[in-house]
PDB file of N, CA and C in Angstrom:
ATOM      1  N   MET A   1       0.845  -1.159   0.000  1.00  0.00           N
ATOM      2  CA  MET A   1       0.000   0.000   0.000  1.00  0.00           C
ATOM      3  C   MET A   1       0.894   1.225   0.000  1.00  0.00           C
ATOM      4  N   ILE A   2       0.485   2.232  -0.732  1.00  0.00           N
ATOM      5  CA  ILE A   2       1.180   3.513  -0.743  1.00  0.00           C
ATOM      6  C   ILE A   2       0.184   4.560  -0.262  1.00  0.00           C
ATOM      7  N   SER A   3       0.607   5.362   0.687  1.00  0.00           N
ATOM      8  CA  SER A   3      -0.253   6.438   1.162  1.00  0.00           C
ATOM      9  C   SER A   3       0.485   7.752   1.023  1.00  0.00           C
ATOM     10  N   GLN A   4      -0.282   8.833   1.046  1.00  0.00           N
ATOM     11  CA  GLN A   4       0.293  10.161   0.952  1.00  0.00           C
ATOM     12  C   GLN A   4      -0.491  11.068   1.871  1.00  0.00           C
ATOM     13  N   LEU A   5       0.219  11.778   2.717  1.00  0.00           N
ATOM     14  CA  LEU A   5      -0.413  12.729   3.615  1.00  0.00           C
ATOM     15  C   LEU A   5       0.485  13.944   3.711  1.00  0.00           C
ATOM     16  N   ASN A   6      -0.058  15.096   3.409  1.00  0.00           N
ATOM     17  CA  ASN A   6       0.704  16.356   3.442  1.00  0.00           C
ATOM     18  C   ASN A   6       1.967  16.288   2.584  1.00  0.00           C
ATOM     19  N   GLY A   7       1.860  15.673   1.419  1.00  0.00           N
ATOM     20  CA  GLY A   7       2.981  15.615   0.488  1.00  0.00           C
ATOM     21  C   GLY A   7       4.025  14.569   0.794  1.00  0.00           C
ATOM     22  N   VAL A   8       3.819  13.773   1.841  1.00  0.00           N
ATOM     23  CA  VAL A   8       4.779  12.730   2.212  1.00  0.00           C
ATOM     24  C   VAL A   8       4.209  11.372   1.800  1.00  0.00           C
ATOM     25  N   PHE A   9       4.930  10.683   0.940  1.00  0.00           N
ATOM     26  CA  PHE A   9       4.515   9.357   0.491  1.00  0.00           C
ATOM     27  C   PHE A   9       5.158   8.297   1.369  1.00  0.00           C
ATOM     28  N   LYS A  10       4.382   7.280   1.714  1.00  0.00           N
ATOM     29  CA  LYS A  10       4.914   6.147   2.467  1.00  0.00           C
ATOM     30  C   LYS A  10       4.386   4.870   1.825  1.00  0.00           C
ATOM     31  N   ALA A  11       5.230   3.850   1.813  1.00  0.00           N
ATOM     32  CA  ALA A  11       4.826   2.546   1.286  1.00  0.00           C
ATOM     33  C   ALA A  11       4.830   1.554   2.438  1.00  0.00           C
ATOM     34  N   TYR A  12       3.827   0.689   2.469  1.00  0.00           N
ATOM     35  CA  TYR A  12       3.677  -0.290   3.538  1.00  0.00           C
ATOM     36  C   TYR A  12       3.503  -1.682   2.936  1.00  0.00           C
ATOM     37  N   TRP A  13       3.929  -2.668   3.673  1.00  0.00           N
ATOM     38  CA  TRP A  13       3.724  -4.064   3.290  1.00  0.00           C
ATOM     39  C   TRP A  13       3.088  -4.763   4.485  1.00  0.00           C
ATOM     40  N   TYR A  14       1.892  -5.275   4.294  1.00  0.00           N
ATOM     41  CA  TYR A  14       1.224  -5.970   5.384  1.00  0.00           C
ATOM     42  C   TYR A  14       1.861  -7.332   5.623  1.00  0.00           C
ATOM     43  N   LYS A  15       1.963  -7.721   6.892  1.00  0.00           N
ATOM     44  CA  LYS A  15       2.586  -9.000   7.237  1.00  0.00           C
ATOM     45  C   LYS A  15       1.784 -10.170   6.666  1.00  0.00           C
ATOM     46  N   GLU A  16       0.495 -10.134   6.828  1.00  0.00           N
ATOM     47  CA  GLU A  16      -0.378 -11.165   6.270  1.00  0.00           C
ATOM     48  C   GLU A  16      -0.959 -10.655   4.960  1.00  0.00           C
ATOM     49  N   GLY A  17      -1.044 -11.518   4.005  1.00  0.00           N
ATOM     50  CA  GLY A  17      -1.589 -11.114   2.721  1.00  0.00           C
ATOM     51  C   GLY A  17      -2.110 -12.311   1.960  1.00  0.00           C
ATOM     52  N   TYR A  18      -2.404 -12.086   0.725  1.00  0.00           N
ATOM     53  CA  TYR A  18      -2.844 -13.178  -0.129  1.00  0.00           C
ATOM     54  C   TYR A  18      -2.297 -12.974  -1.530  1.00  0.00           C
ATOM     55  N   ILE A  19      -2.307 -14.041  -2.269  1.00  0.00           N
ATOM     56  CA  ILE A  19      -1.830 -14.044  -3.642  1.00  0.00           C
ATOM     57  C   ILE A  19      -3.036 -14.270  -4.539  1.00  0.00           C
ATOM     58  N   ARG A  20      -3.227 -13.394  -5.486  1.00  0.00           N
ATOM     59  CA  ARG A  20      -4.321 -13.570  -6.445  1.00  0.00           C
ATOM     60  C   ARG A  20      -3.866 -14.554  -7.522  1.00  0.00           C
ATOM     61  N   THR A  21      -4.782 -15.403  -7.915  1.00  0.00           N
ATOM     62  CA  THR A  21      -4.463 -16.411  -8.922  1.00  0.00           C
ATOM     63  C   THR A  21      -5.383 -16.257 -10.126  1.00  0.00           C
ATOM     64  N   ALA A  22      -4.992 -16.863 -11.215  1.00  0.00           N
ATOM     65  CA  ALA A  22      -5.806 -16.847 -12.431  1.00  0.00           C
ATOM     66  C   ALA A  22      -6.686 -18.093 -12.478  1.00  0.00           C
ATOM     67  N   SER A  23      -7.706 -18.017 -13.287  1.00  0.00           N
ATOM     68  CA  SER A  23      -8.653 -19.127 -13.424  1.00  0.00           C
ATOM     69  C   SER A  23      -8.161 -20.201 -14.384  1.00  0.00           C
ATOM     70  N   TYR A  24      -7.081 -19.912 -15.059  1.00  0.00           N
ATOM     71  CA  TYR A  24      -6.539 -20.838 -16.053  1.00  0.00           C
ATOM     72  C   TYR A  24      -5.038 -20.973 -15.867  1.00  0.00           C
ATOM     73  N   GLU A  25      -4.493 -22.089 -16.273  1.00  0.00           N
ATOM     74  CA  GLU A  25      -3.065 -22.343 -16.138  1.00  0.00           C
ATOM     75  C   GLU A  25      -2.265 -21.336 -16.956  1.00  0.00           C
ATOM     76  N   PHE A  26      -1.178 -20.863 -16.375  1.00  0.00           N
ATOM     77  CA  PHE A  26      -0.311 -19.895 -17.040  1.00  0.00           C
ATOM     78  C   PHE A  26       0.258 -20.477 -18.323  1.00  0.00           C
ATOM     79  N   ASP A  27       0.298 -19.657 -19.348  1.00  0.00           N
ATOM     80  CA  ASP A  27       0.857 -20.050 -20.645  1.00  0.00           C
ATOM     81  C   ASP A  27       1.536 -18.829 -21.246  1.00  0.00           C
ATOM     82  N   VAL A  28       2.836 -18.869 -21.356  1.00  0.00           N
ATOM     83  CA  VAL A  28       3.597 -17.723 -21.843  1.00  0.00           C
ATOM     84  C   VAL A  28       3.261 -17.390 -23.299  1.00  0.00           C
ATOM     85  N   TYR A  29       2.730 -18.343 -24.042  1.00  0.00           N
ATOM     86  CA  TYR A  29       2.423 -18.122 -25.453  1.00  0.00           C
ATOM     87  C   TYR A  29       0.986 -17.693 -25.698  1.00  0.00           C
ATOM     88  N   ASN A  30       0.162 -17.726 -24.682  1.00  0.00           N
ATOM     89  CA  ASN A  30      -1.234 -17.339 -24.814  1.00  0.00           C
ATOM     90  C   ASN A  30      -1.440 -16.058 -24.004  1.00  0.00           C
ATOM     91  N   PHE A  31      -1.688 -14.955 -24.676  1.00  0.00           N
ATOM     92  CA  PHE A  31      -1.800 -13.670 -23.993  1.00  0.00           C
ATOM     93  C   PHE A  31      -3.246 -13.310 -23.672  1.00  0.00           C
ATOM     94  N   ASP A  32      -4.024 -14.298 -23.348  1.00  0.00           N
ATOM     95  CA  ASP A  32      -5.407 -14.091 -22.946  1.00  0.00           C
ATOM     96  C   ASP A  32      -5.447 -13.398 -21.589  1.00  0.00           C
ATOM     97  N   ARG A  33      -6.261 -12.380 -21.443  1.00  0.00           N
ATOM     98  CA  ARG A  33      -6.322 -11.629 -20.187  1.00  0.00           C
ATOM     99  C   ARG A  33      -6.764 -12.491 -19.008  1.00  0.00           C
ATOM    100  N   GLU A  34      -7.533 -13.542 -19.262  1.00  0.00           N
ATOM    101  CA  GLU A  34      -7.984 -14.429 -18.191  1.00  0.00           C
ATOM    102  C   GLU A  34      -6.829 -15.255 -17.613  1.00  0.00           C
ATOM    103  N   ILE A  35      -5.744 -15.344 -18.337  1.00  0.00           N
ATOM    104  CA  ILE A  35      -4.567 -16.081 -17.878  1.00  0.00           C
ATOM    105  C   ILE A  35      -3.570 -15.144 -17.194  1.00  0.00           C
ATOM    106  N   HIS A  36      -3.434 -13.946 -17.713  1.00  0.00           N
ATOM    107  CA  HIS A  36      -2.368 -13.054 -17.257  1.00  0.00           C
ATOM    108  C   HIS A  36      -2.799 -11.964 -16.285  1.00  0.00           C
ATOM    109  N   LEU A  37      -4.068 -11.620 -16.241  1.00  0.00           N
ATOM    110  CA  LEU A  37      -4.537 -10.589 -15.322  1.00  0.00           C
ATOM    111  C   LEU A  37      -5.272 -11.245 -14.163  1.00  0.00           C
ATOM    112  N   THR A  38      -4.732 -11.118 -12.975  1.00  0.00           N
ATOM    113  CA  THR A  38      -5.313 -11.830 -11.831  1.00  0.00           C
ATOM    114  C   THR A  38      -6.235 -10.967 -10.983  1.00  0.00           C
ATOM    115  N   ASN A  39      -6.444  -9.716 -11.369  1.00  0.00           N
ATOM    116  CA  ASN A  39      -7.326  -8.891 -10.550  1.00  0.00           C
ATOM    117  C   ASN A  39      -8.763  -9.403 -10.631  1.00  0.00           C
ATOM    118  N   ASP A  40      -9.495  -9.186  -9.567  1.00  0.00           N
ATOM    119  CA  ASP A  40     -10.845  -9.724  -9.433  1.00  0.00           C
ATOM    120  C   ASP A  40     -11.788  -9.183 -10.499  1.00  0.00           C
ATOM    121  N   ALA A  41     -11.569  -7.958 -10.953  1.00  0.00           N
ATOM    122  CA  ALA A  41     -12.434  -7.363 -11.970  1.00  0.00           C
ATOM    123  C   ALA A  41     -12.433  -8.175 -13.265  1.00  0.00           C
ATOM    124  N   VAL A  42     -11.348  -8.869 -13.538  1.00  0.00           N
ATOM    125  CA  VAL A  42     -11.259  -9.735 -14.723  1.00  0.00           C
ATOM    126  C   VAL A  42     -11.667 -11.156 -14.373  1.00  0.00           C
ATOM    127  N   GLN A  43     -11.113 -11.692 -13.305  1.00  0.00           N
ATOM    128  CA  GLN A  43     -11.294 -13.109 -12.986  1.00  0.00           C
ATOM    129  C   GLN A  43     -12.732 -13.489 -12.627  1.00  0.00           C
ATOM    130  N   LYS A  44     -13.466 -12.600 -11.972  1.00  0.00           N
ATOM    131  CA  LYS A  44     -14.806 -12.979 -11.504  1.00  0.00           C
ATOM    132  C   LYS A  44     -15.791 -13.255 -12.644  1.00  0.00           C
ATOM    133  N   TYR A  45     -15.444 -12.876 -13.855  1.00  0.00           N
ATOM    134  CA  TYR A  45     -16.322 -13.134 -15.002  1.00  0.00           C
ATOM    135  C   TYR A  45     -15.904 -14.350 -15.820  1.00  0.00           C
ATOM    136  N   THR A  46     -14.883 -15.071 -15.381  1.00  0.00           N
ATOM    137  CA  THR A  46     -14.439 -16.248 -16.128  1.00  0.00           C
ATOM    138  C   THR A  46     -15.231 -17.482 -15.708  1.00  0.00           C
ATOM    139  N   ALA A  47     -15.300 -18.445 -16.604  1.00  0.00           N
ATOM    140  CA  ALA A  47     -16.039 -19.686 -16.321  1.00  0.00           C
ATOM    141  C   ALA A  47     -15.392 -20.485 -15.189  1.00  0.00           C
ATOM    142  N   ASN A  48     -14.081 -20.367 -15.020  1.00  0.00           N
ATOM    143  CA  ASN A  48     -13.357 -21.150 -14.010  1.00  0.00           C
ATOM    144  C   ASN A  48     -13.105 -20.393 -12.711  1.00  0.00           C
ATOM    145  N   TYR A  49     -13.751 -19.261 -12.504  1.00  0.00           N
ATOM    146  CA  TYR A  49     -13.511 -18.465 -11.295  1.00  0.00           C
ATOM    147  C   TYR A  49     -13.758 -19.309 -10.044  1.00  0.00           C
ATOM    148  N   GLY A  50     -12.775 -19.363  -9.182  1.00  0.00           N
ATOM    149  CA  GLY A  50     -12.885 -20.110  -7.937  1.00  0.00           C
ATOM    150  C   GLY A  50     -12.736 -21.615  -8.078  1.00  0.00           C
ATOM    151  N   LYS A  51     -12.409 -22.087  -9.272  1.00  0.00           N
ATOM    152  CA  LYS A  51     -12.279 -23.529  -9.495  1.00  0.00           C
ATOM    153  C   LYS A  51     -11.125 -24.127  -8.697  1.00  0.00           C
ATOM    154  N   PHE A  52     -10.027 -23.411  -8.604  1.00  0.00           N
ATOM    155  CA  PHE A  52      -8.828 -23.934  -7.944  1.00  0.00           C
ATOM    156  C   PHE A  52      -8.688 -23.424  -6.505  1.00  0.00           C
ATOM    157  N   GLU A  53      -9.019 -22.170  -6.275  1.00  0.00           N
ATOM    158  CA  GLU A  53      -8.984 -21.575  -4.946  1.00  0.00           C
ATOM    159  C   GLU A  53     -10.234 -20.722  -4.780  1.00  0.00           C
ATOM    160  N   SER A  54     -10.726 -20.642  -3.588  1.00  0.00           N
ATOM    161  CA  SER A  54     -11.884 -19.799  -3.311  1.00  0.00           C
ATOM    162  C   SER A  54     -11.560 -18.357  -3.695  1.00  0.00           C
ATOM    163  N   ALA A  55     -12.407 -17.785  -4.542  1.00  0.00           N
ATOM    164  CA  ALA A  55     -12.247 -16.405  -5.009  1.00  0.00           C
ATOM    165  C   ALA A  55     -10.883 -16.132  -5.651  1.00  0.00           C
ATOM    166  N   ASN A  56     -10.238 -17.185  -6.143  1.00  0.00           N
ATOM    167  CA  ASN A  56      -8.934 -17.060  -6.807  1.00  0.00           C
ATOM    168  C   ASN A  56      -7.898 -16.360  -5.918  1.00  0.00           C
ATOM    169  N   LYS A  57      -7.891 -16.714  -4.649  1.00  0.00           N
ATOM    170  CA  LYS A  57      -6.929 -16.128  -3.714  1.00  0.00           C
ATOM    171  C   LYS A  57      -6.351 -17.214  -2.824  1.00  0.00           C
ATOM    172  N   LEU A  58      -5.053 -17.085  -2.541  1.00  0.00           N
ATOM    173  CA  LEU A  58      -4.350 -17.987  -1.622  1.00  0.00           C
ATOM    174  C   LEU A  58      -3.672 -17.157  -0.544  1.00  0.00           C
ATOM    175  N   SER A  59      -3.852 -17.537   0.708  1.00  0.00           N
ATOM    176  CA  SER A  59      -3.084 -16.891   1.773  1.00  0.00           C
ATOM    177  C   SER A  59      -1.623 -17.302   1.606  1.00  0.00           C
ATOM    178  N   TYR A  60      -0.736 -16.580   2.245  1.00  0.00           N
ATOM    179  CA  TYR A  60       0.673 -16.952   2.186  1.00  0.00           C
ATOM    180  C   TYR A  60       0.870 -18.369   2.727  1.00  0.00           C
ATOM    181  N   ALA A  61       0.166 -18.695   3.803  1.00  0.00           N
ATOM    182  CA  ALA A  61       0.289 -20.033   4.406  1.00  0.00           C
ATOM    183  C   ALA A  61      -0.219 -21.111   3.458  1.00  0.00           C
ATOM    184  N   ASP A  62      -1.334 -20.849   2.780  1.00  0.00           N
ATOM    185  CA  ASP A  62      -1.864 -21.822   1.827  1.00  0.00           C
ATOM    186  C   ASP A  62      -0.934 -21.983   0.622  1.00  0.00           C
ATOM    187  N   PHE A  63      -0.291 -20.884   0.215  1.00  0.00           N
ATOM    188  CA  PHE A  63       0.660 -20.989  -0.885  1.00  0.00           C
ATOM    189  C   PHE A  63       1.864 -21.835  -0.476  1.00  0.00           C
ATOM    190  N   GLN A  64       2.310 -21.675   0.778  1.00  0.00           N
ATOM    191  CA  GLN A  64       3.413 -22.512   1.272  1.00  0.00           C
ATOM    192  C   GLN A  64       3.013 -23.979   1.260  1.00  0.00           C
ATOM    193  N   LYS A  65       1.778 -24.286   1.655  1.00  0.00           N
ATOM    194  CA  LYS A  65       1.287 -25.670   1.620  1.00  0.00           C
ATOM    195  C   LYS A  65       1.285 -26.197   0.190  1.00  0.00           C
ATOM    196  N   TYR A  66       0.876 -25.354  -0.753  1.00  0.00           N
ATOM    197  CA  TYR A  66       0.890 -25.744  -2.169  1.00  0.00           C
ATOM    198  C   TYR A  66       2.316 -26.070  -2.611  1.00  0.00           C
ATOM    199  N   LEU A  67       3.262 -25.221  -2.255  1.00  0.00           N
ATOM    200  CA  LEU A  67       4.660 -25.467  -2.627  1.00  0.00           C
ATOM    201  C   LEU A  67       5.178 -26.759  -2.009  1.00  0.00           C
ATOM    202  N   ASP A  68       4.860 -26.982  -0.736  1.00  0.00           N
ATOM    203  CA  ASP A  68       5.318 -28.184  -0.040  1.00  0.00           C
ATOM    204  C   ASP A  68       4.746 -29.450  -0.675  1.00  0.00           C
ATOM    205  N   THR A  69       3.499 -29.376  -1.113  1.00  0.00           N
ATOM    206  CA  THR A  69       2.827 -30.536  -1.698  1.00  0.00           C
ATOM    207  C   THR A  69       3.256 -30.772  -3.148  1.00  0.00           C
ATOM    208  N   THR A  70       3.356 -29.690  -3.910  1.00  0.00           N
ATOM    209  CA  THR A  70       3.639 -29.796  -5.340  1.00  0.00           C
ATOM    210  C   THR A  70       5.124 -29.980  -5.633  1.00  0.00           C
ATOM    211  N   TYR A  71       5.971 -29.384  -4.819  1.00  0.00           N
ATOM    212  CA  TYR A  71       7.420 -29.435  -5.033  1.00  0.00           C
ATOM    213  C   TYR A  71       8.145 -29.861  -3.755  1.00  0.00           C
ATOM    214  N   PRO A  72       7.850 -31.038  -3.227  1.00  0.00           N
ATOM    215  CA  PRO A  72       8.422 -31.442  -1.936  1.00  0.00           C
ATOM    216  C   PRO A  72       9.946 -31.539  -1.927  1.00  0.00           C
ATOM    217  N   LYS A  73      10.545 -31.899  -3.033  1.00  0.00           N
ATOM    218  CA  LYS A  73      12.001 -32.062  -3.072  1.00  0.00           C
ATOM    219  C   LYS A  73      12.740 -30.732  -3.194  1.00  0.00           C
ATOM    220  N   ASP A  74      12.041 -29.681  -3.630  1.00  0.00           N
ATOM    221  CA  ASP A  74      12.702 -28.394  -3.849  1.00  0.00           C
ATOM    222  C   ASP A  74      12.833 -27.550  -2.582  1.00  0.00           C
ATOM    223  N   ASP A  75      12.078 -27.869  -1.554  1.00  0.00           N
ATOM    224  CA  ASP A  75      12.179 -27.204  -0.257  1.00  0.00           C
ATOM    225  C   ASP A  75      12.065 -25.682  -0.374  1.00  0.00           C
ATOM    226  N   TYR A  76      11.022 -25.207  -1.069  1.00  0.00           N
ATOM    227  CA  TYR A  76      10.783 -23.773  -1.191  1.00  0.00           C
ATOM    228  C   TYR A  76      10.308 -23.214   0.140  1.00  0.00           C
ATOM    229  N   ASP A  77      10.787 -22.025   0.478  1.00  0.00           N
ATOM    230  CA  ASP A  77      10.365 -21.336   1.689  1.00  0.00           C
ATOM    231  C   ASP A  77       9.815 -19.981   1.271  1.00  0.00           C
ATOM    232  N   PHE A  78       8.496 -19.849   1.321  1.00  0.00           N
ATOM    233  CA  PHE A  78       7.854 -18.615   0.872  1.00  0.00           C
ATOM    234  C   PHE A  78       8.374 -17.398   1.621  1.00  0.00           C
ATOM    235  N   GLU A  79       8.407 -17.484   2.939  1.00  0.00           N
ATOM    236  CA  GLU A  79       8.822 -16.341   3.771  1.00  0.00           C
ATOM    237  C   GLU A  79      10.269 -15.925   3.519  1.00  0.00           C
ATOM    238  N   GLU A  80      11.139 -16.898   3.293  1.00  0.00           N
ATOM    239  CA  GLU A  80      12.569 -16.602   3.170  1.00  0.00           C
ATOM    240  C   GLU A  80      13.042 -16.394   1.730  1.00  0.00           C
ATOM    241  N   GLN A  81      12.380 -17.034   0.768  1.00  0.00           N
ATOM    242  CA  GLN A  81      12.861 -16.974  -0.609  1.00  0.00           C
ATOM    243  C   GLN A  81      11.976 -16.144  -1.530  1.00  0.00           C
ATOM    244  N   ILE A  82      10.674 -16.318  -1.440  1.00  0.00           N
ATOM    245  CA  ILE A  82       9.771 -15.700  -2.409  1.00  0.00           C
ATOM    246  C   ILE A  82       9.308 -14.320  -1.966  1.00  0.00           C
ATOM    247  N   LEU A  83       8.888 -14.186  -0.720  1.00  0.00           N
ATOM    248  CA  LEU A  83       8.380 -12.912  -0.229  1.00  0.00           C
ATOM    249  C   LEU A  83       9.395 -11.773  -0.369  1.00  0.00           C
ATOM    250  N   PRO A  84      10.667 -11.969  -0.042  1.00  0.00           N
ATOM    251  CA  PRO A  84      11.631 -10.879  -0.244  1.00  0.00           C
ATOM    252  C   PRO A  84      11.739 -10.444  -1.715  1.00  0.00           C
ATOM    253  N   LYS A  85      11.619 -11.390  -2.627  1.00  0.00           N
ATOM    254  CA  LYS A  85      11.663 -11.039  -4.056  1.00  0.00           C
ATOM    255  C   LYS A  85      10.416 -10.252  -4.451  1.00  0.00           C
ATOM    256  N   MET A  86       9.255 -10.633  -3.903  1.00  0.00           N
ATOM    257  CA  MET A  86       8.020  -9.896  -4.170  1.00  0.00           C
ATOM    258  C   MET A  86       8.151  -8.454  -3.677  1.00  0.00           C
ATOM    259  N   LYS A  87       8.696  -8.288  -2.489  1.00  0.00           N
ATOM    260  CA  LYS A  87       8.872  -6.948  -1.929  1.00  0.00           C
ATOM    261  C   LYS A  87       9.830  -6.118  -2.775  1.00  0.00           C
ATOM    262  N   SER A  88      10.884  -6.740  -3.252  1.00  0.00           N
ATOM    263  CA  SER A  88      11.863  -6.039  -4.080  1.00  0.00           C
ATOM    264  C   SER A  88      11.236  -5.577  -5.401  1.00  0.00           C
ATOM    265  N   ILE A  89      10.433  -6.417  -6.005  1.00  0.00           N
ATOM    266  CA  ILE A  89       9.755  -6.055  -7.254  1.00  0.00           C
ATOM    267  C   ILE A  89       8.790  -4.899  -7.016  1.00  0.00           C
ATOM    268  N   CYS A  90       8.047  -4.953  -5.910  1.00  0.00           N
ATOM    269  CA  CYS A  90       7.112  -3.871  -5.580  1.00  0.00           C
ATOM    270  C   CYS A  90       7.851  -2.566  -5.327  1.00  0.00           C
ATOM    271  N   LEU A  91       8.968  -2.635  -4.635  1.00  0.00           N
ATOM    272  CA  LEU A  91       9.759  -1.433  -4.387  1.00  0.00           C
ATOM    273  C   LEU A  91      10.239  -0.830  -5.703  1.00  0.00           C
ATOM    274  N   ASP A  92      10.681  -1.666  -6.621  1.00  0.00           N
ATOM    275  CA  ASP A  92      11.094  -1.181  -7.938  1.00  0.00           C
ATOM    276  C   ASP A  92       9.930  -0.511  -8.663  1.00  0.00           C
ATOM    277  N   ALA A  93       8.732  -1.087  -8.550  1.00  0.00           N
ATOM    278  CA  ALA A  93       7.553  -0.510  -9.199  1.00  0.00           C
ATOM    279  C   ALA A  93       7.223   0.858  -8.600  1.00  0.00           C
ATOM    280  N   VAL A  94       7.301   0.969  -7.274  1.00  0.00           N
ATOM    281  CA  VAL A  94       7.033   2.252  -6.621  1.00  0.00           C
ATOM    282  C   VAL A  94       8.075   3.285  -7.048  1.00  0.00           C
ATOM    283  N   LYS A  95       9.333   2.898  -7.018  1.00  0.00           N
ATOM    284  CA  LYS A  95      10.395   3.826  -7.401  1.00  0.00           C
ATOM    285  C   LYS A  95      10.259   4.283  -8.855  1.00  0.00           C
ATOM    286  N   SER A  96       9.855   3.376  -9.732  1.00  0.00           N
ATOM    287  CA  SER A  96       9.766   3.723 -11.145  1.00  0.00           C
ATOM    288  C   SER A  96       8.573   4.623 -11.457  1.00  0.00           C
ATOM    289  N   SER A  97       7.569   4.630 -10.594  1.00  0.00           N
ATOM    290  CA  SER A  97       6.373   5.437 -10.866  1.00  0.00           C
ATOM    291  C   SER A  97       6.201   6.587  -9.886  1.00  0.00           C
ATOM    292  N   PHE A  98       7.101   6.727  -8.936  1.00  0.00           N
ATOM    293  CA  PHE A  98       6.967   7.725  -7.888  1.00  0.00           C
ATOM    294  C   PHE A  98       6.784   9.135  -8.448  1.00  0.00           C
ATOM    295  N   VAL A  99       7.543   9.480  -9.467  1.00  0.00           N
ATOM    296  CA  VAL A  99       7.464  10.838 -10.015  1.00  0.00           C
ATOM    297  C   VAL A  99       6.112  11.123 -10.674  1.00  0.00           C
ATOM    298  N   LYS A 100       5.367  10.091 -10.976  1.00  0.00           N
ATOM    299  CA  LYS A 100       4.046  10.263 -11.594  1.00  0.00           C
ATOM    300  C   LYS A 100       2.948  10.487 -10.550  1.00  0.00           C
ATOM    301  N   LEU A 101       3.240  10.243  -9.270  1.00  0.00           N
ATOM    302  CA  LEU A 101       2.246  10.418  -8.219  1.00  0.00           C
ATOM    303  C   LEU A 101       2.186  11.884  -7.823  1.00  0.00           C
ATOM    304  N   SER A 102       1.025  12.475  -7.915  1.00  0.00           N
ATOM    305  CA  SER A 102       0.869  13.887  -7.637  1.00  0.00           C
ATOM    306  C   SER A 102       0.308  14.115  -6.231  1.00  0.00           C
ATOM    307  N   PRO A 103       1.045  14.770  -5.342  1.00  0.00           N
ATOM    308  CA  PRO A 103       0.544  15.020  -3.991  1.00  0.00           C
ATOM    309  C   PRO A 103      -0.714  15.893  -3.980  1.00  0.00           C
ATOM    310  N   GLU A 104      -0.848  16.802  -4.935  1.00  0.00           N
ATOM    311  CA  GLU A 104      -2.013  17.679  -4.978  1.00  0.00           C
ATOM    312  C   GLU A 104      -3.272  16.939  -5.422  1.00  0.00           C
ATOM    313  N   ARG A 105      -3.103  15.943  -6.245  1.00  0.00           N
ATOM    314  CA  ARG A 105      -4.268  15.250  -6.816  1.00  0.00           C
ATOM    315  C   ARG A 105      -4.749  14.098  -5.933  1.00  0.00           C
ATOM    316  N   TYR A 106      -3.878  13.505  -5.167  1.00  0.00           N
ATOM    317  CA  TYR A 106      -4.225  12.314  -4.425  1.00  0.00           C
ATOM    318  C   TYR A 106      -4.066  12.492  -2.915  1.00  0.00           C
ATOM    319  N   LYS A 107      -4.657  13.509  -2.359  1.00  0.00           N
ATOM    320  CA  LYS A 107      -4.519  13.759  -0.925  1.00  0.00           C
ATOM    321  C   LYS A 107      -5.323  12.752  -0.110  1.00  0.00           C
ATOM    322  N   HIS A 108      -4.729  12.311   0.966  1.00  0.00           N
ATOM    323  CA  HIS A 108      -5.394  11.450   1.953  1.00  0.00           C
ATOM    324  C   HIS A 108      -5.941  10.167   1.341  1.00  0.00           C
ATOM    325  N   ASN A 109      -5.178   9.537   0.527  1.00  0.00           N
ATOM    326  CA  ASN A 109      -5.632   8.284  -0.083  1.00  0.00           C
ATOM    327  C   ASN A 109      -4.524   7.257  -0.081  1.00  0.00           C
ATOM    328  N   PHE A 110      -4.863   6.053  -0.546  1.00  0.00           N
ATOM    329  CA  PHE A 110      -3.864   5.006  -0.716  1.00  0.00           C
ATOM    330  C   PHE A 110      -4.306   4.098  -1.829  1.00  0.00           C
TER     331      PHE A 110
END
């Protein structure tokens, strides 16, 4: 989350969260929005919405269970390996768009 108050921008990362998923298996060669856009505004209108996870969302703990079950030999650790990379990508996104955020236009919001 990014907030702005009195011209000061702050970015926050909640400890607990969820991962949005798509209704269809990822395919790098198929650029269908139902595969690549995981926001609810797109996914809730697909035929497979909620087929794999309730409301196409996984908690961090449920995602760890998925990794443990699907890739038991790889010993993935969401908290130690994946979450830091997610945070780094988000920080890069904030930094790359920061100059486009207008303090006058977006007061008291996030």
